[in-house]
Each structure stands twice: as C-alpha cells, then as structure tokens.
All heavy atoms as atom14 arrays in JSON, in Angstrom:
{
  "sequence": "MTAKGGRESLPMQRFVPLLLIFFLWLTVLPGPTYLVR",
  "atom14_mask": [
    [1, 1, 1, 1, 1, 1, 1, 1, 0, 0, 0, 0, 0, 0],
    [1, 1, 1, 1, 1, 1, 1, 0, 0, 0, 0, 0, 0, 0],
    [1, 1, 1, 1, 1, 0, 0, 0, 0, 0, 0, 0, 0, 0],
    [1, 1, 1, 1, 1, 1, 1, 1, 1, 0, 0, 0, 0, 0],
    [1, 1, 1, 1, 0, 0, 0, 0, 0, 0, 0, 0, 0, 0],
    [1, 1, 1, 1, 0, 0, 0, 0, 0, 0, 0, 0, 0, 0],
    [1, 1, 1, 1, 1, 1, 1, 1, 1, 1, 1, 0, 0, 0],
    [1, 1, 1, 1, 1, 1, 1, 1, 1, 0, 0, 0, 0, 0],
    [1, 1, 1, 1, 1, 1, 0, 0, 0, 0, 0, 0, 0, 0],
    [1, 1, 1, 1, 1, 1, 1, 1, 0, 0, 0, 0, 0, 0],
    [1, 1, 1, 1, 1, 1, 1, 0, 0, 0, 0, 0, 0, 0],
    [1, 1, 1, 1, 1, 1, 1, 1, 0, 0, 0, 0, 0, 0],
    [1, 1, 1, 1, 1, 1, 1, 1, 1, 0, 0, 0, 0, 0],
    [1, 1, 1, 1, 1, 1, 1, 1, 1, 1, 1, 0, 0, 0],
    [1, 1, 1, 1, 1, 1, 1, 1, 1, 1, 1, 0, 0, 0],
    [1, 1, 1, 1, 1, 1, 1, 0, 0, 0, 0, 0, 0, 0],
    [1, 1, 1, 1, 1, 1, 1, 0, 0, 0, 0, 0, 0, 0],
    [1, 1, 1, 1, 1, 1, 1, 1, 0, 0, 0, 0, 0, 0],
    [1, 1, 1, 1, 1, 1, 1, 1, 0, 0, 0, 0, 0, 0],
    [1, 1, 1, 1, 1, 1, 1, 1, 0, 0, 0, 0, 0, 0],
    [1, 1, 1, 1, 1, 1, 1, 1, 0, 0, 0, 0, 0, 0],
    [1, 1, 1, 1, 1, 1, 1, 1, 1, 1, 1, 0, 0, 0],
    [1, 1, 1, 1, 1, 1, 1, 1, 1, 1, 1, 0, 0, 0],
    [1, 1, 1, 1, 1, 1, 1, 1, 0, 0, 0, 0, 0, 0],
    [1, 1, 1, 1, 1, 1, 1, 1, 1, 1, 1, 1, 1, 1],
    [1, 1, 1, 1, 1, 1, 1, 1, 0, 0, 0, 0, 0, 0],
    [1, 1, 1, 1, 1, 1, 1, 0, 0, 0, 0, 0, 0, 0],
    [1, 1, 1, 1, 1, 1, 1, 0, 0, 0, 0, 0, 0, 0],
    [1, 1, 1, 1, 1, 1, 1, 1, 0, 0, 0, 0, 0, 0],
    [1, 1, 1, 1, 1, 1, 1, 0, 0, 0, 0, 0, 0, 0],
    [1, 1, 1, 1, 0, 0, 0, 0, 0, 0, 0, 0, 0, 0],
    [1, 1, 1, 1, 1, 1, 1, 0, 0, 0, 0, 0, 0, 0],
    [1, 1, 1, 1, 1, 1, 1, 0, 0, 0, 0, 0, 0, 0],
    [1, 1, 1, 1, 1, 1, 1, 1, 1, 1, 1, 1, 0, 0],
    [1, 1, 1, 1, 1, 1, 1, 1, 0, 0, 0, 0, 0, 0],
    [1, 1, 1, 1, 1, 1, 1, 0, 0, 0, 0, 0, 0, 0],
    [1, 1, 1, 1, 1, 1, 1, 1, 1, 1, 1, 0, 0, 0]
  ],
  "atom14_positions": [
    [[384.81, -50.84, -18.94], [384.61, -51.44, -20.21], [383.97, -50.25, -21.13], [383.0, -49.8, -20.87], [383.59, -52.65, -20.04], [384.19, -53.73, -19.15], [385.82, -54.25, -19.47], [385.61, -55.09, -21.08], [0.0, 0.0, 0.0], [0.0, 0.0, 0.0], [0.0, 0.0, 0.0], [0.0, 0.0, 0.0], [0.0, 0.0, 0.0], [0.0, 0.0, 0.0]],
    [[384.51, -50.12, -22.13], [384.07, -49.07, -23.07], [382.94, -49.79, -23.97], [382.83, -50.96, -23.93], [385.16, -48.66, -24.01], [385.57, -49.76, -24.8], [386.3, -48.18, -23.21], [0.0, 0.0, 0.0], [0.0, 0.0, 0.0], [0.0, 0.0, 0.0], [0.0, 0.0, 0.0], [0.0, 0.0, 0.0], [0.0, 0.0, 0.0], [0.0, 0.0, 0.0]],
    [[382.26, -48.91, -24.75], [381.12, -49.42, -25.54], [381.68, -50.42, -26.52], [380.97, -51.23, -27.08], [380.51, -48.3, -26.23], [0.0, 0.0, 0.0], [0.0, 0.0, 0.0], [0.0, 0.0, 0.0], [0.0, 0.0, 0.0], [0.0, 0.0, 0.0], [0.0, 0.0, 0.0], [0.0, 0.0, 0.0], [0.0, 0.0, 0.0], [0.0, 0.0, 0.0]],
    [[382.91, -50.25, -27.03], [383.52, -51.32, -27.94], [384.26, -52.47, -27.39], [384.92, -53.19, -28.03], [384.54, -50.44, -28.95], [383.83, -49.32, -29.66], [384.83, -48.7, -30.64], [384.1, -47.6, -31.43], [384.88, -47.0, -32.49], [0.0, 0.0, 0.0], [0.0, 0.0, 0.0], [0.0, 0.0, 0.0], [0.0, 0.0, 0.0], [0.0, 0.0, 0.0]],
    [[384.08, -52.62, -26.03], [384.66, -53.72, -25.43], [386.1, -53.61, -25.05], [386.72, -54.63, -24.53], [0.0, 0.0, 0.0], [0.0, 0.0, 0.0], [0.0, 0.0, 0.0], [0.0, 0.0, 0.0], [0.0, 0.0, 0.0], [0.0, 0.0, 0.0], [0.0, 0.0, 0.0], [0.0, 0.0, 0.0], [0.0, 0.0, 0.0], [0.0, 0.0, 0.0]],
    [[386.74, -52.48, -25.07], [388.13, -52.23, -24.87], [388.28, -51.97, -23.32], [387.34, -51.79, -22.58], [0.0, 0.0, 0.0], [0.0, 0.0, 0.0], [0.0, 0.0, 0.0], [0.0, 0.0, 0.0], [0.0, 0.0, 0.0], [0.0, 0.0, 0.0], [0.0, 0.0, 0.0], [0.0, 0.0, 0.0], [0.0, 0.0, 0.0], [0.0, 0.0, 0.0]],
    [[389.55, -51.76, -22.95], [389.8, -51.52, -21.47], [390.31, -49.99, -21.48], [391.13, -49.69, -22.28], [390.89, -52.44, -21.05], [390.5, -53.83, -20.76], [391.68, -54.7, -20.65], [392.21, -54.54, -19.34], [391.83, -55.17, -18.24], [390.87, -55.98, -18.36], [392.47, -54.99, -17.07], [0.0, 0.0, 0.0], [0.0, 0.0, 0.0], [0.0, 0.0, 0.0]],
    [[389.82, -49.24, -20.48], [390.25, -47.95, -20.34], [390.4, -47.59, -18.81], [389.58, -47.84, -18.08], [389.05, -47.01, -20.89], [389.32, -45.49, -20.78], [388.16, -44.61, -21.08], [387.07, -45.2, -21.4], [388.28, -43.51, -20.97], [0.0, 0.0, 0.0], [0.0, 0.0, 0.0], [0.0, 0.0, 0.0], [0.0, 0.0, 0.0], [0.0, 0.0, 0.0]],
    [[391.64, -47.05, -18.56], [391.92, -46.84, -17.2], [391.09, -45.52, -16.71], [390.98, -44.62, -17.41], [393.43, -46.59, -17.09], [393.89, -45.56, -17.74], [0.0, 0.0, 0.0], [0.0, 0.0, 0.0], [0.0, 0.0, 0.0], [0.0, 0.0, 0.0], [0.0, 0.0, 0.0], [0.0, 0.0, 0.0], [0.0, 0.0, 0.0], [0.0, 0.0, 0.0]],
    [[390.65, -45.63, -15.63], [389.92, -44.51, -15.02], [390.78, -43.43, -14.43], [391.9, -43.69, -14.27], [388.85, -45.06, -14.03], [387.71, -45.84, -14.72], [386.77, -46.35, -13.6], [386.91, -45.08, -15.71], [0.0, 0.0, 0.0], [0.0, 0.0, 0.0], [0.0, 0.0, 0.0], [0.0, 0.0, 0.0], [0.0, 0.0, 0.0], [0.0, 0.0, 0.0]],
    [[390.22, -42.25, -14.14], [390.98, -41.08, -13.74], [391.99, -41.29, -12.66], [393.06, -40.84, -12.73], [389.92, -39.9, -13.46], [388.77, -40.41, -14.43], [388.7, -41.84, -14.46], [0.0, 0.0, 0.0], [0.0, 0.0, 0.0], [0.0, 0.0, 0.0], [0.0, 0.0, 0.0], [0.0, 0.0, 0.0], [0.0, 0.0, 0.0], [0.0, 0.0, 0.0]],
    [[391.52, -41.88, -11.6], [392.44, -41.96, -10.49], [393.5, -42.87, -10.74], [394.72, -42.74, -10.09], [391.66, -42.45, -9.06], [390.83, -41.48, -8.57], [391.6, -39.91, -8.1], [392.65, -40.5, -6.75], [0.0, 0.0, 0.0], [0.0, 0.0, 0.0], [0.0, 0.0, 0.0], [0.0, 0.0, 0.0], [0.0, 0.0, 0.0], [0.0, 0.0, 0.0]],
    [[393.4, -43.88, -11.59], [394.56, -44.77, -12.01], [395.52, -44.01, -12.91], [396.76, -44.47, -12.91], [394.08, -46.01, -12.77], [393.45, -47.03, -11.77], [392.2, -46.42, -11.0], [391.26, -46.08, -11.68], [392.26, -46.57, -9.68], [0.0, 0.0, 0.0], [0.0, 0.0, 0.0], [0.0, 0.0, 0.0], [0.0, 0.0, 0.0], [0.0, 0.0, 0.0]],
    [[395.19, -42.84, -13.43], [396.18, -42.02, -14.15], [396.6, -40.89, -13.21], [397.76, -40.39, -13.35], [395.54, -41.4, -15.45], [395.3, -42.54, -16.51], [394.45, -42.01, -17.74], [393.06, -42.26, -17.41], [392.1, -41.48, -17.87], [392.39, -40.41, -18.65], [390.89, -41.66, -17.56], [0.0, 0.0, 0.0], [0.0, 0.0, 0.0], [0.0, 0.0, 0.0]],
    [[395.77, -40.57, -12.33], [396.23, -39.39, -11.42], [397.36, -39.8, -10.59], [398.31, -39.0, -10.41], [394.94, -38.96, -10.63], [395.25, -37.93, -9.6], [395.21, -36.6, -9.88], [395.64, -38.21, -8.34], [395.47, -35.66, -8.97], [395.99, -37.23, -7.3], [395.76, -35.96, -7.69], [0.0, 0.0, 0.0], [0.0, 0.0, 0.0], [0.0, 0.0, 0.0]],
    [[397.38, -40.91, -9.95], [398.33, -41.38, -9.08], [399.71, -41.39, -9.64], [400.66, -40.84, -9.07], [398.01, -42.74, -8.48], [399.08, -43.24, -7.41], [396.68, -42.57, -7.63], [0.0, 0.0, 0.0], [0.0, 0.0, 0.0], [0.0, 0.0, 0.0], [0.0, 0.0, 0.0], [0.0, 0.0, 0.0], [0.0, 0.0, 0.0], [0.0, 0.0, 0.0]],
    [[399.91, -41.96, -10.82], [401.43, -42.11, -11.37], [401.79, -40.57, -11.65], [402.93, -40.21, -11.54], [401.33, -42.85, -12.61], [400.07, -43.71, -12.47], [399.06, -42.94, -11.63], [0.0, 0.0, 0.0], [0.0, 0.0, 0.0], [0.0, 0.0, 0.0], [0.0, 0.0, 0.0], [0.0, 0.0, 0.0], [0.0, 0.0, 0.0], [0.0, 0.0, 0.0]],
    [[400.9, -39.68, -12.24], [401.22, -38.3, -12.65], [401.45, -37.52, -11.42], [402.15, -36.38, -11.68], [400.2, -37.8, -13.5], [399.84, -38.56, -14.77], [398.6, -37.84, -15.56], [401.07, -38.56, -15.78], [0.0, 0.0, 0.0], [0.0, 0.0, 0.0], [0.0, 0.0, 0.0], [0.0, 0.0, 0.0], [0.0, 0.0, 0.0], [0.0, 0.0, 0.0]],
    [[401.07, -37.82, -10.33], [401.33, -37.13, -8.98], [402.86, -36.95, -8.72], [403.27, -36.01, -8.05], [400.58, -37.89, -7.87], [400.37, -37.05, -6.52], [399.56, -35.74, -6.93], [399.66, -38.02, -5.49], [0.0, 0.0, 0.0], [0.0, 0.0, 0.0], [0.0, 0.0, 0.0], [0.0, 0.0, 0.0], [0.0, 0.0, 0.0], [0.0, 0.0, 0.0]],
    [[403.69, -37.91, -9.22], [405.01, -37.85, -9.06], [405.59, -36.39, -9.69], [406.56, -35.92, -9.05], [405.75, -39.08, -9.79], [407.32, -39.22, -9.59], [407.63, -39.12, -8.13], [407.75, -40.53, -10.15], [0.0, 0.0, 0.0], [0.0, 0.0, 0.0], [0.0, 0.0, 0.0], [0.0, 0.0, 0.0], [0.0, 0.0, 0.0], [0.0, 0.0, 0.0]],
    [[405.04, -36.08, -10.73], [405.48, -34.71, -11.35], [405.26, -33.71, -10.45], [406.06, -32.73, -10.21], [404.75, -34.58, -12.76], [405.0, -35.66, -13.76], [405.18, -33.09, -13.33], [404.25, -35.54, -14.97], [0.0, 0.0, 0.0], [0.0, 0.0, 0.0], [0.0, 0.0, 0.0], [0.0, 0.0, 0.0], [0.0, 0.0, 0.0], [0.0, 0.0, 0.0]],
    [[404.09, -33.62, -9.7], [403.76, -32.48, -8.75], [404.68, -32.58, -7.6], [405.19, -31.51, -7.2], [402.21, -32.71, -8.38], [401.91, -31.68, -7.33], [401.77, -30.4, -7.6], [401.63, -32.2, -6.0], [401.26, -29.5, -6.55], [401.27, -31.37, -4.88], [401.18, -30.0, -5.29], [0.0, 0.0, 0.0], [0.0, 0.0, 0.0], [0.0, 0.0, 0.0]],
    [[404.98, -33.61, -7.07], [405.97, -33.84, -5.98], [407.26, -33.3, -6.28], [407.93, -32.67, -5.5], [406.04, -35.31, -5.44], [404.78, -35.7, -4.59], [404.26, -37.04, -4.66], [404.13, -34.74, -3.72], [403.12, -37.37, -4.06], [403.07, -35.11, -3.0], [402.52, -36.39, -3.13], [0.0, 0.0, 0.0], [0.0, 0.0, 0.0], [0.0, 0.0, 0.0]],
    [[407.76, -33.74, -7.51], [409.01, -33.09, -7.91], [408.97, -31.58, -7.93], [409.82, -30.84, -7.5], [409.47, -33.7, -9.32], [410.78, -33.13, -9.77], [411.88, -33.79, -9.09], [410.93, -33.25, -11.36], [0.0, 0.0, 0.0], [0.0, 0.0, 0.0], [0.0, 0.0, 0.0], [0.0, 0.0, 0.0], [0.0, 0.0, 0.0], [0.0, 0.0, 0.0]],
    [[407.87, -31.02, -8.52], [407.71, -29.57, -8.65], [407.79, -29.07, -7.21], [408.46, -27.89, -6.95], [406.34, -29.31, -9.25], [406.12, -27.85, -9.48], [406.64, -26.97, -10.47], [405.36, -26.97, -8.54], [406.06, -25.71, -10.26], [405.37, -25.68, -9.08], [404.67, -27.22, -7.42], [404.68, -24.61, -8.43], [403.99, -26.17, -6.78], [404.02, -24.92, -7.34]],
    [[407.13, -29.74, -6.26], [407.24, -29.17, -4.82], [408.71, -29.05, -4.3], [408.99, -28.08, -3.6], [406.27, -30.07, -4.01], [404.84, -29.89, -3.99], [404.2, -30.9, -2.93], [404.44, -28.41, -3.73], [0.0, 0.0, 0.0], [0.0, 0.0, 0.0], [0.0, 0.0, 0.0], [0.0, 0.0, 0.0], [0.0, 0.0, 0.0], [0.0, 0.0, 0.0]],
    [[409.53, -30.05, -4.81], [410.85, -30.07, -4.15], [411.75, -28.91, -4.75], [412.77, -28.63, -4.12], [411.55, -31.44, -4.48], [411.65, -31.59, -5.88], [410.73, -32.61, -3.87], [0.0, 0.0, 0.0], [0.0, 0.0, 0.0], [0.0, 0.0, 0.0], [0.0, 0.0, 0.0], [0.0, 0.0, 0.0], [0.0, 0.0, 0.0], [0.0, 0.0, 0.0]],
    [[411.5, -28.37, -5.92], [412.15, -27.35, -6.48], [411.86, -25.98, -5.78], [412.64, -25.0, -5.97], [412.16, -27.25, -8.01], [412.64, -28.55, -8.58], [410.82, -26.84, -8.55], [0.0, 0.0, 0.0], [0.0, 0.0, 0.0], [0.0, 0.0, 0.0], [0.0, 0.0, 0.0], [0.0, 0.0, 0.0], [0.0, 0.0, 0.0], [0.0, 0.0, 0.0]],
    [[410.69, -25.85, -5.24], [410.35, -24.58, -4.62], [411.23, -24.08, -3.64], [411.55, -22.75, -3.62], [408.91, -24.58, -4.06], [407.75, -24.78, -5.04], [406.35, -24.89, -4.52], [407.78, -23.84, -6.31], [0.0, 0.0, 0.0], [0.0, 0.0, 0.0], [0.0, 0.0, 0.0], [0.0, 0.0, 0.0], [0.0, 0.0, 0.0], [0.0, 0.0, 0.0]],
    [[411.9, -24.79, -2.74], [412.8, -24.32, -1.78], [414.28, -24.37, -2.27], [415.15, -24.25, -1.52], [412.59, -25.35, -0.53], [412.2, -26.59, -1.19], [411.39, -26.23, -2.33], [0.0, 0.0, 0.0], [0.0, 0.0, 0.0], [0.0, 0.0, 0.0], [0.0, 0.0, 0.0], [0.0, 0.0, 0.0], [0.0, 0.0, 0.0], [0.0, 0.0, 0.0]],
    [[414.4, -24.39, -3.55], [415.64, -24.4, -4.12], [416.32, -23.12, -4.29], [415.84, -22.12, -3.87], [0.0, 0.0, 0.0], [0.0, 0.0, 0.0], [0.0, 0.0, 0.0], [0.0, 0.0, 0.0], [0.0, 0.0, 0.0], [0.0, 0.0, 0.0], [0.0, 0.0, 0.0], [0.0, 0.0, 0.0], [0.0, 0.0, 0.0], [0.0, 0.0, 0.0]],
    [[417.49, -22.99, -4.92], [418.44, -21.88, -4.86], [417.86, -20.8, -5.93], [418.33, -19.71, -5.79], [419.77, -22.31, -5.2], [419.52, -23.62, -6.06], [418.32, -24.17, -5.41], [0.0, 0.0, 0.0], [0.0, 0.0, 0.0], [0.0, 0.0, 0.0], [0.0, 0.0, 0.0], [0.0, 0.0, 0.0], [0.0, 0.0, 0.0], [0.0, 0.0, 0.0]],
    [[417.1, -21.21, -6.95], [416.67, -20.16, -7.92], [415.63, -21.07, -8.84], [415.29, -22.18, -8.56], [417.9, -19.79, -8.75], [417.29, -18.7, -9.63], [418.47, -20.8, -9.57], [0.0, 0.0, 0.0], [0.0, 0.0, 0.0], [0.0, 0.0, 0.0], [0.0, 0.0, 0.0], [0.0, 0.0, 0.0], [0.0, 0.0, 0.0], [0.0, 0.0, 0.0]],
    [[415.19, -20.33, -9.79], [414.25, -20.94, -10.82], [415.03, -21.05, -12.27], [415.44, -20.09, -12.74], [412.88, -20.25, -10.92], [413.03, -18.76, -11.27], [413.01, -18.28, -12.46], [413.09, -17.82, -10.13], [413.08, -16.89, -12.83], [413.24, -16.48, -10.43], [413.14, -16.08, -11.79], [413.29, -14.66, -11.98], [0.0, 0.0, 0.0], [0.0, 0.0, 0.0]],
    [[415.14, -22.25, -12.7], [415.79, -22.51, -13.88], [415.03, -23.63, -14.69], [414.39, -24.57, -14.06], [417.19, -22.92, -13.79], [418.28, -21.86, -13.43], [419.53, -22.44, -13.12], [418.33, -20.86, -14.55], [0.0, 0.0, 0.0], [0.0, 0.0, 0.0], [0.0, 0.0, 0.0], [0.0, 0.0, 0.0], [0.0, 0.0, 0.0], [0.0, 0.0, 0.0]],
    [[415.1, -23.61, -16.03], [414.46, -24.59, -16.77], [414.79, -25.92, -16.42], [414.02, -26.95, -16.41], [414.53, -24.19, -18.27], [414.11, -25.43, -19.14], [413.64, -23.07, -18.65], [0.0, 0.0, 0.0], [0.0, 0.0, 0.0], [0.0, 0.0, 0.0], [0.0, 0.0, 0.0], [0.0, 0.0, 0.0], [0.0, 0.0, 0.0], [0.0, 0.0, 0.0]],
    [[416.19, -26.13, -16.31], [416.64, -27.47, -16.16], [416.23, -28.1, -14.85], [416.22, -29.4, -14.81], [418.2, -27.41, -16.05], [418.82, -26.78, -14.85], [420.3, -26.6, -15.03], [421.11, -26.19, -13.91], [421.87, -26.95, -13.04], [421.88, -28.16, -13.36], [422.45, -26.43, -12.05], [0.0, 0.0, 0.0], [0.0, 0.0, 0.0], [0.0, 0.0, 0.0]]
  ]
}
C-alpha cells in the first residue's frame, strides 16, 4: 500500500514475468549465429 493508498506490485512480482525474456535469450545462445531478429 503506497502512501496515497494505491496498489503497487513489488519487485518479485515483476521479476517473475520478465524472467521469460531471459529464458528466451538463453535459448538463442546455442543457435546458428547472432542476428537482431
């Protein structure tokens, strides 16, 4: 609860969904090359 009475998600509740980006990055490391796409 913020000082103004709002709701604010805490760090781990944002960390877990964003972790999917890191896992995707891991899957490209054993790929055939490095490309932007």
